[in-house]
């Protein structure tokens, strides 16, 4: 497994809405994430900075990159656009983090 972590930002007044939408994540979105090799996916919120920290494990980088091209992922990005910082293609603005320590 490949461990990945990244940060994003949610709008200050949208914390509850962001969480609500993820508590009711679409089953077809979860299925597609799994189909693209995602496991152990978690997102954490720092309410003081509005920063989201995401962690997941993937099977393969290329397989994971193709997730962005799926119809359901494009639909999810559109759905989430009004609650978080996004790029012009509606993808979340995100920054990958470098792993500097891991313990099993």
PDB file of N, CA and C in Angstrom:
ATOM      1  N   UNK A   1       0.830  -1.196   0.000  1.00  0.00           N
ATOM      2  CA  UNK A   1       0.000   0.000   0.000  1.00  0.00           C
ATOM      3  C   UNK A   1       0.872   1.255   0.000  1.00  0.00           C
ATOM      4  N   UNK A   2       0.382   2.270  -0.660  1.00  0.00           N
ATOM      5  CA  UNK A   2       1.042   3.568  -0.689  1.00  0.00           C
ATOM      6  C   UNK A   2       0.252   4.495   0.222  1.00  0.00           C
ATOM      7  N   UNK A   3       0.920   5.092   1.194  1.00  0.00           N
ATOM      8  CA  UNK A   3       0.263   6.042   2.096  1.00  0.00           C
ATOM      9  C   UNK A   3       0.317   7.435   1.479  1.00  0.00           C
ATOM     10  N   UNK A   4      -0.823   8.137   1.478  1.00  0.00           N
ATOM     11  CA  UNK A   4      -0.893   9.491   0.940  1.00  0.00           C
ATOM     12  C   UNK A   4      -1.538  10.397   1.979  1.00  0.00           C
ATOM     13  N   UNK A   5      -1.072  11.621   2.035  1.00  0.00           N
ATOM     14  CA  UNK A   5      -1.678  12.641   2.895  1.00  0.00           C
ATOM     15  C   UNK A   5      -1.659  13.957   2.137  1.00  0.00           C
ATOM     16  N   UNK A   6      -2.699  14.745   2.363  1.00  0.00           N
ATOM     17  CA  UNK A   6      -2.776  16.051   1.713  1.00  0.00           C
ATOM     18  C   UNK A   6      -3.663  16.961   2.543  1.00  0.00           C
ATOM     19  N   UNK A   7      -3.542  18.261   2.279  1.00  0.00           N
ATOM     20  CA  UNK A   7      -4.351  19.248   2.979  1.00  0.00           C
ATOM     21  C   UNK A   7      -5.199  20.016   1.977  1.00  0.00           C
ATOM     22  N   UNK A   8      -6.364  20.452   2.465  1.00  0.00           N
ATOM     23  CA  UNK A   8      -7.306  21.255   1.688  1.00  0.00           C
ATOM     24  C   UNK A   8      -7.890  22.281   2.652  1.00  0.00           C
ATOM     25  N   UNK A   9      -8.768  23.139   2.176  1.00  0.00           N
ATOM     26  CA  UNK A   9      -9.418  24.114   3.057  1.00  0.00           C
ATOM     27  C   UNK A   9     -10.917  24.144   2.818  1.00  0.00           C
ATOM     28  N   UNK A  10     -11.635  24.199   3.926  1.00  0.00           N
ATOM     29  CA  UNK A  10     -13.083  24.352   3.907  1.00  0.00           C
ATOM     30  C   UNK A  10     -13.383  25.795   4.303  1.00  0.00           C
ATOM     31  N   UNK A  11     -14.458  26.360   3.757  1.00  0.00           N
ATOM     32  CA  UNK A  11     -14.816  27.726   4.118  1.00  0.00           C
ATOM     33  C   UNK A  11     -15.207  27.791   5.602  1.00  0.00           C
ATOM     34  N   UNK A  12     -14.850  28.890   6.276  1.00  0.00           N
ATOM     35  CA  UNK A  12     -15.070  28.999   7.732  1.00  0.00           C
ATOM     36  C   UNK A  12     -16.510  28.753   8.169  1.00  0.00           C
ATOM     37  N   UNK A  13     -17.468  29.159   7.378  1.00  0.00           N
ATOM     38  CA  UNK A  13     -18.872  28.992   7.765  1.00  0.00           C
ATOM     39  C   UNK A  13     -19.491  27.700   7.221  1.00  0.00           C
ATOM     40  N   UNK A  14     -18.659  26.803   6.677  1.00  0.00           N
ATOM     41  CA  UNK A  14     -19.171  25.577   6.059  1.00  0.00           C
ATOM     42  C   UNK A  14     -18.672  24.292   6.736  1.00  0.00           C
ATOM     43  N   UNK A  15     -18.103  24.403   7.922  1.00  0.00           N
ATOM     44  CA  UNK A  15     -17.586  23.222   8.622  1.00  0.00           C
ATOM     45  C   UNK A  15     -18.671  22.158   8.792  1.00  0.00           C
ATOM     46  N   UNK A  16     -19.812  22.577   9.323  1.00  0.00           N
ATOM     47  CA  UNK A  16     -20.893  21.622   9.582  1.00  0.00           C
ATOM     48  C   UNK A  16     -21.424  21.009   8.291  1.00  0.00           C
ATOM     49  N   UNK A  17     -21.555  21.819   7.266  1.00  0.00           N
ATOM     50  CA  UNK A  17     -22.066  21.323   5.989  1.00  0.00           C
ATOM     51  C   UNK A  17     -21.086  20.321   5.368  1.00  0.00           C
ATOM     52  N   UNK A  18     -19.795  20.616   5.453  1.00  0.00           N
ATOM     53  CA  UNK A  18     -18.783  19.704   4.925  1.00  0.00           C
ATOM     54  C   UNK A  18     -18.907  18.344   5.616  1.00  0.00           C
ATOM     55  N   UNK A  19     -18.983  18.377   6.927  1.00  0.00           N
ATOM     56  CA  UNK A  19     -19.098  17.129   7.684  1.00  0.00           C
ATOM     57  C   UNK A  19     -20.404  16.406   7.359  1.00  0.00           C
ATOM     58  N   UNK A  20     -21.494  17.140   7.282  1.00  0.00           N
ATOM     59  CA  UNK A  20     -22.800  16.554   6.965  1.00  0.00           C
ATOM     60  C   UNK A  20     -22.762  15.817   5.624  1.00  0.00           C
ATOM     61  N   UNK A  21     -22.175  16.448   4.632  1.00  0.00           N
ATOM     62  CA  UNK A  21     -22.113  15.821   3.305  1.00  0.00           C
ATOM     63  C   UNK A  21     -21.269  14.554   3.313  1.00  0.00           C
ATOM     64  N   UNK A  22     -20.216  14.549   4.109  1.00  0.00           N
ATOM     65  CA  UNK A  22     -19.382  13.354   4.161  1.00  0.00           C
ATOM     66  C   UNK A  22     -20.010  12.239   5.004  1.00  0.00           C
ATOM     67  N   UNK A  23     -20.824  12.606   5.960  1.00  0.00           N
ATOM     68  CA  UNK A  23     -21.542  11.570   6.720  1.00  0.00           C
ATOM     69  C   UNK A  23     -22.572  10.869   5.843  1.00  0.00           C
ATOM     70  N   UNK A  24     -23.012  11.569   4.793  1.00  0.00           N
ATOM     71  CA  UNK A  24     -23.988  10.997   3.860  1.00  0.00           C
ATOM     72  C   UNK A  24     -23.358  10.818   2.477  1.00  0.00           C
ATOM     73  N   UNK A  25     -22.081  10.462   2.452  1.00  0.00           N
ATOM     74  CA  UNK A  25     -21.388  10.286   1.169  1.00  0.00           C
ATOM     75  C   UNK A  25     -22.144   9.274   0.315  1.00  0.00           C
ATOM     76  N   UNK A  26     -22.221   9.549  -0.947  1.00  0.00           N
ATOM     77  CA  UNK A  26     -22.971   8.704  -1.871  1.00  0.00           C
ATOM     78  C   UNK A  26     -22.339   7.313  -1.949  1.00  0.00           C
ATOM     79  N   UNK A  27     -23.130   6.263  -1.846  1.00  0.00           N
ATOM     80  CA  UNK A  27     -22.595   4.892  -1.940  1.00  0.00           C
ATOM     81  C   UNK A  27     -21.812   4.659  -3.234  1.00  0.00           C
ATOM     82  N   UNK A  28     -22.276   5.263  -4.336  1.00  0.00           N
ATOM     83  CA  UNK A  28     -21.566   5.072  -5.604  1.00  0.00           C
ATOM     84  C   UNK A  28     -20.204   5.771  -5.597  1.00  0.00           C
ATOM     85  N   UNK A  29     -20.056   6.822  -4.797  1.00  0.00           N
ATOM     86  CA  UNK A  29     -18.753   7.483  -4.656  1.00  0.00           C
ATOM     87  C   UNK A  29     -17.799   6.579  -3.880  1.00  0.00           C
ATOM     88  N   UNK A  30     -18.291   5.999  -2.804  1.00  0.00           N
ATOM     89  CA  UNK A  30     -17.472   5.072  -2.014  1.00  0.00           C
ATOM     90  C   UNK A  30     -17.046   3.880  -2.871  1.00  0.00           C
ATOM     91  N   UNK A  31     -17.974   3.351  -3.634  1.00  0.00           N
ATOM     92  CA  UNK A  31     -17.675   2.213  -4.505  1.00  0.00           C
ATOM     93  C   UNK A  31     -16.576   2.568  -5.507  1.00  0.00           C
ATOM     94  N   UNK A  32     -16.679   3.751  -6.105  1.00  0.00           N
ATOM     95  CA  UNK A  32     -15.684   4.160  -7.097  1.00  0.00           C
ATOM     96  C   UNK A  32     -14.322   4.389  -6.446  1.00  0.00           C
ATOM     97  N   UNK A  33     -14.307   4.962  -5.241  1.00  0.00           N
ATOM     98  CA  UNK A  33     -13.039   5.119  -4.516  1.00  0.00           C
ATOM     99  C   UNK A  33     -12.373   3.759  -4.314  1.00  0.00           C
ATOM    100  N   UNK A  34     -13.153   2.793  -3.881  1.00  0.00           N
ATOM    101  CA  UNK A  34     -12.617   1.440  -3.680  1.00  0.00           C
ATOM    102  C   UNK A  34     -12.146   0.837  -4.998  1.00  0.00           C
ATOM    103  N   UNK A  35     -12.922   1.068  -6.071  1.00  0.00           N
ATOM    104  CA  UNK A  35     -12.536   0.553  -7.391  1.00  0.00           C
ATOM    105  C   UNK A  35     -11.212   1.145  -7.863  1.00  0.00           C
ATOM    106  N   UNK A  36     -10.876   2.314  -7.354  1.00  0.00           N
ATOM    107  CA  UNK A  36      -9.620   2.963  -7.737  1.00  0.00           C
ATOM    108  C   UNK A  36      -8.528   2.772  -6.679  1.00  0.00           C
ATOM    109  N   UNK A  37      -8.718   1.771  -5.841  1.00  0.00           N
ATOM    110  CA  UNK A  37      -7.658   1.345  -4.925  1.00  0.00           C
ATOM    111  C   UNK A  37      -7.530   2.120  -3.638  1.00  0.00           C
ATOM    112  N   UNK A  38      -8.555   2.854  -3.228  1.00  0.00           N
ATOM    113  CA  UNK A  38      -8.482   3.628  -1.980  1.00  0.00           C
ATOM    114  C   UNK A  38      -8.904   2.772  -0.787  1.00  0.00           C
ATOM    115  N   UNK A  39      -8.142   2.900   0.294  1.00  0.00           N
ATOM    116  CA  UNK A  39      -8.414   2.197   1.548  1.00  0.00           C
ATOM    117  C   UNK A  39      -8.110   3.140   2.706  1.00  0.00           C
ATOM    118  N   UNK A  40      -8.759   2.908   3.829  1.00  0.00           N
ATOM    119  CA  UNK A  40      -8.456   3.656   5.060  1.00  0.00           C
ATOM    120  C   UNK A  40      -8.432   5.166   4.839  1.00  0.00           C
ATOM    121  N   UNK A  41      -9.456   5.679   4.211  1.00  0.00           N
ATOM    122  CA  UNK A  41      -9.532   7.103   3.873  1.00  0.00           C
ATOM    123  C   UNK A  41     -10.149   7.856   5.047  1.00  0.00           C
ATOM    124  N   UNK A  42      -9.441   8.851   5.553  1.00  0.00           N
ATOM    125  CA  UNK A  42      -9.933   9.688   6.645  1.00  0.00           C
ATOM    126  C   UNK A  42      -9.657  11.144   6.329  1.00  0.00           C
ATOM    127  N   UNK A  43     -10.554  12.024   6.783  1.00  0.00           N
ATOM    128  CA  UNK A  43     -10.355  13.464   6.659  1.00  0.00           C
ATOM    129  C   UNK A  43     -10.597  14.081   8.032  1.00  0.00           C
ATOM    130  N   UNK A  44      -9.689  14.941   8.453  1.00  0.00           N
ATOM    131  CA  UNK A  44      -9.767  15.608   9.745  1.00  0.00           C
ATOM    132  C   UNK A  44      -9.847  17.113   9.521  1.00  0.00           C
ATOM    133  N   UNK A  45     -10.523  17.814  10.426  1.00  0.00           N
ATOM    134  CA  UNK A  45     -10.697  19.258  10.320  1.00  0.00           C
ATOM    135  C   UNK A  45     -10.029  19.968  11.491  1.00  0.00           C
ATOM    136  N   UNK A  46      -9.234  20.993  11.183  1.00  0.00           N
ATOM    137  CA  UNK A  46      -8.721  21.923  12.186  1.00  0.00           C
ATOM    138  C   UNK A  46      -9.625  23.149  12.103  1.00  0.00           C
ATOM    139  N   UNK A  47     -10.523  23.296  13.070  1.00  0.00           N
ATOM    140  CA  UNK A  47     -11.514  24.370  13.034  1.00  0.00           C
ATOM    141  C   UNK A  47     -10.888  25.759  13.120  1.00  0.00           C
ATOM    142  N   UNK A  48      -9.734  25.875  13.740  1.00  0.00           N
ATOM    143  CA  UNK A  48      -9.089  27.183  13.885  1.00  0.00           C
ATOM    144  C   UNK A  48      -8.524  27.699  12.569  1.00  0.00           C
ATOM    145  N   UNK A  49      -8.034  26.799  11.727  1.00  0.00           N
ATOM    146  CA  UNK A  49      -7.418  27.214  10.468  1.00  0.00           C
ATOM    147  C   UNK A  49      -8.270  26.887   9.244  1.00  0.00           C
ATOM    148  N   UNK A  50      -9.371  26.167   9.449  1.00  0.00           N
ATOM    149  CA  UNK A  50     -10.239  25.698   8.361  1.00  0.00           C
ATOM    150  C   UNK A  50      -9.539  24.679   7.471  1.00  0.00           C
ATOM    151  N   UNK A  51      -8.450  24.142   7.947  1.00  0.00           N
ATOM    152  CA  UNK A  51      -7.665  23.202   7.163  1.00  0.00           C
ATOM    153  C   UNK A  51      -8.181  21.776   7.341  1.00  0.00           C
ATOM    154  N   UNK A  52      -8.261  21.086   6.227  1.00  0.00           N
ATOM    155  CA  UNK A  52      -8.629  19.680   6.212  1.00  0.00           C
ATOM    156  C   UNK A  52      -7.362  18.867   5.977  1.00  0.00           C
ATOM    157  N   UNK A  53      -7.162  17.840   6.779  1.00  0.00           N
ATOM    158  CA  UNK A  53      -6.046  16.922   6.604  1.00  0.00           C
ATOM    159  C   UNK A  53      -6.632  15.590   6.167  1.00  0.00           C
ATOM    160  N   UNK A  54      -6.220  15.120   5.015  1.00  0.00           N
ATOM    161  CA  UNK A  54      -6.726  13.864   4.482  1.00  0.00           C
ATOM    162  C   UNK A  54      -5.621  12.823   4.443  1.00  0.00           C
ATOM    163  N   UNK A  55      -5.991  11.597   4.789  1.00  0.00           N
ATOM    164  CA  UNK A  55      -5.060  10.468   4.748  1.00  0.00           C
ATOM    165  C   UNK A  55      -5.781   9.287   4.106  1.00  0.00           C
ATOM    166  N   UNK A  56      -5.084   8.612   3.218  1.00  0.00           N
ATOM    167  CA  UNK A  56      -5.605   7.374   2.662  1.00  0.00           C
ATOM    168  C   UNK A  56      -4.471   6.495   2.201  1.00  0.00           C
ATOM    169  N   UNK A  57      -4.796   5.266   1.969  1.00  0.00           N
ATOM    170  CA  UNK A  57      -3.851   4.311   1.418  1.00  0.00           C
ATOM    171  C   UNK A  57      -4.375   3.893   0.059  1.00  0.00           C
ATOM    172  N   UNK A  58      -3.472   3.834  -0.907  1.00  0.00           N
ATOM    173  CA  UNK A  58      -3.867   3.471  -2.269  1.00  0.00           C
ATOM    174  C   UNK A  58      -3.031   2.294  -2.743  1.00  0.00           C
ATOM    175  N   UNK A  59      -3.562   1.596  -3.723  1.00  0.00           N
ATOM    176  CA  UNK A  59      -2.869   0.441  -4.284  1.00  0.00           C
ATOM    177  C   UNK A  59      -1.850   0.840  -5.352  1.00  0.00           C
ATOM    178  N   UNK A  60      -2.173   1.893  -6.121  1.00  0.00           N
ATOM    179  CA  UNK A  60      -1.358   2.250  -7.276  1.00  0.00           C
ATOM    180  C   UNK A  60      -1.609   3.724  -7.624  1.00  0.00           C
ATOM    181  N   UNK A  61      -0.545   4.475  -7.854  1.00  0.00           N
ATOM    182  CA  UNK A  61      -0.669   5.914  -8.151  1.00  0.00           C
ATOM    183  C   UNK A  61      -1.472   6.179  -9.430  1.00  0.00           C
ATOM    184  N   UNK A  62      -1.184   5.432 -10.497  1.00  0.00           N
ATOM    185  CA  UNK A  62      -1.873   5.662 -11.763  1.00  0.00           C
ATOM    186  C   UNK A  62      -3.366   5.353 -11.634  1.00  0.00           C
ATOM    187  N   UNK A  63      -3.684   4.254 -10.992  1.00  0.00           N
ATOM    188  CA  UNK A  63      -5.077   3.881 -10.764  1.00  0.00           C
ATOM    189  C   UNK A  63      -5.794   4.969  -9.957  1.00  0.00           C
ATOM    190  N   UNK A  64      -5.122   5.515  -8.944  1.00  0.00           N
ATOM    191  CA  UNK A  64      -5.697   6.567  -8.111  1.00  0.00           C
ATOM    192  C   UNK A  64      -5.916   7.850  -8.915  1.00  0.00           C
ATOM    193  N   UNK A  65      -4.952   8.236  -9.749  1.00  0.00           N
ATOM    194  CA  UNK A  65      -5.080   9.456 -10.558  1.00  0.00           C
ATOM    195  C   UNK A  65      -6.299   9.392 -11.479  1.00  0.00           C
ATOM    196  N   UNK A  66      -6.639   8.215 -11.941  1.00  0.00           N
ATOM    197  CA  UNK A  66      -7.777   8.054 -12.855  1.00  0.00           C
ATOM    198  C   UNK A  66      -9.117   8.291 -12.157  1.00  0.00           C
ATOM    199  N   UNK A  67      -9.126   8.264 -10.837  1.00  0.00           N
ATOM    200  CA  UNK A  67     -10.358   8.528 -10.085  1.00  0.00           C
ATOM    201  C   UNK A  67     -10.901   9.912 -10.428  1.00  0.00           C
ATOM    202  N   UNK A  68     -10.026  10.879 -10.601  1.00  0.00           N
ATOM    203  CA  UNK A  68     -10.439  12.257 -10.888  1.00  0.00           C
ATOM    204  C   UNK A  68     -11.239  12.363 -12.185  1.00  0.00           C
ATOM    205  N   UNK A  69     -11.046  11.429 -13.098  1.00  0.00           N
ATOM    206  CA  UNK A  69     -11.706  11.466 -14.397  1.00  0.00           C
ATOM    207  C   UNK A  69     -13.095  10.837 -14.399  1.00  0.00           C
ATOM    208  N   UNK A  70     -13.469  10.178 -13.321  1.00  0.00           N
ATOM    209  CA  UNK A  70     -14.753   9.480 -13.307  1.00  0.00           C
ATOM    210  C   UNK A  70     -15.918  10.459 -13.214  1.00  0.00           C
ATOM    211  N   UNK A  71     -17.044  10.053 -13.762  1.00  0.00           N
ATOM    212  CA  UNK A  71     -18.243  10.896 -13.724  1.00  0.00           C
ATOM    213  C   UNK A  71     -18.673  11.189 -12.295  1.00  0.00           C
ATOM    214  N   UNK A  72     -18.642  10.172 -11.426  1.00  0.00           N
ATOM    215  CA  UNK A  72     -19.093  10.376 -10.053  1.00  0.00           C
ATOM    216  C   UNK A  72     -18.169  11.333  -9.312  1.00  0.00           C
ATOM    217  N   UNK A  73     -16.892  11.268  -9.579  1.00  0.00           N
ATOM    218  CA  UNK A  73     -15.959  12.187  -8.928  1.00  0.00           C
ATOM    219  C   UNK A  73     -16.194  13.620  -9.404  1.00  0.00           C
ATOM    220  N   UNK A  74     -16.422  13.791 -10.691  1.00  0.00           N
ATOM    221  CA  UNK A  74     -16.723  15.119 -11.226  1.00  0.00           C
ATOM    222  C   UNK A  74     -18.006  15.672 -10.604  1.00  0.00           C
ATOM    223  N   UNK A  75     -18.999  14.814 -10.430  1.00  0.00           N
ATOM    224  CA  UNK A  75     -20.265  15.206  -9.803  1.00  0.00           C
ATOM    225  C   UNK A  75     -20.029  15.604  -8.339  1.00  0.00           C
ATOM    226  N   UNK A  76     -19.175  14.842  -7.627  1.00  0.00           N
ATOM    227  CA  UNK A  76     -18.867  15.138  -6.219  1.00  0.00           C
ATOM    228  C   UNK A  76     -18.167  16.487  -6.112  1.00  0.00           C
ATOM    229  N   UNK A  77     -17.206  16.749  -6.991  1.00  0.00           N
ATOM    230  CA  UNK A  77     -16.506  18.033  -6.960  1.00  0.00           C
ATOM    231  C   UNK A  77     -17.487  19.184  -7.141  1.00  0.00           C
ATOM    232  N   UNK A  78     -18.431  19.043  -8.055  1.00  0.00           N
ATOM    233  CA  UNK A  78     -19.443  20.085  -8.261  1.00  0.00           C
ATOM    234  C   UNK A  78     -20.283  20.269  -6.997  1.00  0.00           C
ATOM    235  N   UNK A  79     -20.640  19.172  -6.371  1.00  0.00           N
ATOM    236  CA  UNK A  79     -21.435  19.186  -5.146  1.00  0.00           C
ATOM    237  C   UNK A  79     -20.703  19.872  -3.999  1.00  0.00           C
ATOM    238  N   UNK A  80     -19.391  19.703  -3.935  1.00  0.00           N
ATOM    239  CA  UNK A  80     -18.595  20.239  -2.832  1.00  0.00           C
ATOM    240  C   UNK A  80     -18.031  21.631  -3.098  1.00  0.00           C
ATOM    241  N   UNK A  81     -18.161  22.129  -4.292  1.00  0.00           N
ATOM    242  CA  UNK A  81     -17.556  23.397  -4.703  1.00  0.00           C
ATOM    243  C   UNK A  81     -17.939  24.576  -3.805  1.00  0.00           C
ATOM    244  N   UNK A  82     -19.146  24.617  -3.320  1.00  0.00           N
ATOM    245  CA  UNK A  82     -19.588  25.773  -2.543  1.00  0.00           C
ATOM    246  C   UNK A  82     -19.217  25.694  -1.058  1.00  0.00           C
ATOM    247  N   UNK A  83     -18.540  24.631  -0.634  1.00  0.00           N
ATOM    248  CA  UNK A  83     -18.158  24.532   0.777  1.00  0.00           C
ATOM    249  C   UNK A  83     -16.644  24.548   1.009  1.00  0.00           C
ATOM    250  N   UNK A  84     -15.876  24.513  -0.081  1.00  0.00           N
ATOM    251  CA  UNK A  84     -14.423  24.478   0.087  1.00  0.00           C
ATOM    252  C   UNK A  84     -13.699  25.191  -1.048  1.00  0.00           C
ATOM    253  N   UNK A  85     -12.438  25.485  -0.825  1.00  0.00           N
ATOM    254  CA  UNK A  85     -11.624  26.136  -1.861  1.00  0.00           C
ATOM    255  C   UNK A  85     -11.386  25.152  -3.001  1.00  0.00           C
ATOM    256  N   UNK A  86     -11.636  25.627  -4.240  1.00  0.00           N
ATOM    257  CA  UNK A  86     -11.509  24.756  -5.404  1.00  0.00           C
ATOM    258  C   UNK A  86     -10.741  25.439  -6.529  1.00  0.00           C
ATOM    259  N   UNK A  87     -10.261  24.624  -7.427  1.00  0.00           N
ATOM    260  CA  UNK A  87      -9.624  25.081  -8.652  1.00  0.00           C
ATOM    261  C   UNK A  87     -10.700  25.387  -9.694  1.00  0.00           C
ATOM    262  N   UNK A  88     -10.294  25.907 -10.837  1.00  0.00           N
ATOM    263  CA  UNK A  88     -11.253  26.255 -11.887  1.00  0.00           C
ATOM    264  C   UNK A  88     -12.004  25.038 -12.428  1.00  0.00           C
ATOM    265  N   UNK A  89     -11.414  23.837 -12.302  1.00  0.00           N
ATOM    266  CA  UNK A  89     -12.103  22.623 -12.753  1.00  0.00           C
ATOM    267  C   UNK A  89     -12.965  22.008 -11.653  1.00  0.00           C
ATOM    268  N   UNK A  90     -13.132  22.741 -10.544  1.00  0.00           N
ATOM    269  CA  UNK A  90     -13.936  22.358  -9.383  1.00  0.00           C
ATOM    270  C   UNK A  90     -13.250  21.344  -8.476  1.00  0.00           C
ATOM    271  N   UNK A  91     -12.049  20.908  -8.812  1.00  0.00           N
ATOM    272  CA  UNK A  91     -11.305  20.013  -7.921  1.00  0.00           C
ATOM    273  C   UNK A  91     -10.872  20.798  -6.692  1.00  0.00           C
ATOM    274  N   UNK A  92     -10.799  20.141  -5.546  1.00  0.00           N
ATOM    275  CA  UNK A  92     -10.342  20.840  -4.349  1.00  0.00           C
ATOM    276  C   UNK A  92      -8.905  21.326  -4.516  1.00  0.00           C
ATOM    277  N   UNK A  93      -8.638  22.513  -4.047  1.00  0.00           N
ATOM    278  CA  UNK A  93      -7.245  22.963  -3.993  1.00  0.00           C
ATOM    279  C   UNK A  93      -6.595  22.124  -2.901  1.00  0.00           C
ATOM    280  N   UNK A  94      -5.583  21.388  -3.263  1.00  0.00           N
ATOM    281  CA  UNK A  94      -4.945  20.510  -2.283  1.00  0.00           C
ATOM    282  C   UNK A  94      -3.429  20.543  -2.444  1.00  0.00           C
ATOM    283  N   UNK A  95      -2.773  20.213  -1.359  1.00  0.00           N
ATOM    284  CA  UNK A  95      -1.322  20.167  -1.345  1.00  0.00           C
ATOM    285  C   UNK A  95      -0.905  18.834  -0.752  1.00  0.00           C
ATOM    286  N   UNK A  96      -0.147  18.060  -1.537  1.00  0.00           N
ATOM    287  CA  UNK A  96       0.349  16.787  -1.040  1.00  0.00           C
ATOM    288  C   UNK A  96       1.385  17.022   0.055  1.00  0.00           C
ATOM    289  N   UNK A  97       1.382  16.121   1.021  1.00  0.00           N
ATOM    290  CA  UNK A  97       2.348  16.185   2.113  1.00  0.00           C
ATOM    291  C   UNK A  97       3.349  15.049   1.967  1.00  0.00           C
ATOM    292  N   UNK A  98       4.572  15.323   2.352  1.00  0.00           N
ATOM    293  CA  UNK A  98       5.637  14.322   2.299  1.00  0.00           C
ATOM    294  C   UNK A  98       5.668  13.555   3.624  1.00  0.00           C
ATOM    295  N   UNK A  99       5.662  12.246   3.521  1.00  0.00           N
ATOM    296  CA  UNK A  99       5.768  11.431   4.732  1.00  0.00           C
ATOM    297  C   UNK A  99       7.197  11.515   5.269  1.00  0.00           C
ATOM    298  N   UNK A 100       7.315  11.830   6.538  1.00  0.00           N
ATOM    299  CA  UNK A 100       8.638  11.915   7.160  1.00  0.00           C
ATOM    300  C   UNK A 100       8.805  10.899   8.300  1.00  0.00           C
ATOM    301  N   UNK A 101       7.718  10.231   8.683  1.00  0.00           N
ATOM    302  CA  UNK A 101       7.795   9.219   9.716  1.00  0.00           C
ATOM    303  C   UNK A 101       6.603   8.288   9.590  1.00  0.00           C
ATOM    304  N   UNK A 102       6.841   7.007   9.835  1.00  0.00           N
ATOM    305  CA  UNK A 102       5.772   6.005   9.861  1.00  0.00           C
ATOM    306  C   UNK A 102       6.146   4.914  10.849  1.00  0.00           C
ATOM    307  N   UNK A 103       5.193   4.501  11.654  1.00  0.00           N
ATOM    308  CA  UNK A 103       5.413   3.397  12.583  1.00  0.00           C
ATOM    309  C   UNK A 103       4.255   2.425  12.442  1.00  0.00           C
ATOM    310  N   UNK A 104       4.563   1.165  12.345  1.00  0.00           N
ATOM    311  CA  UNK A 104       3.504   0.140  12.299  1.00  0.00           C
ATOM    312  C   UNK A 104       3.331  -0.475  13.645  1.00  0.00           C
TER     313      UNK A 104
END
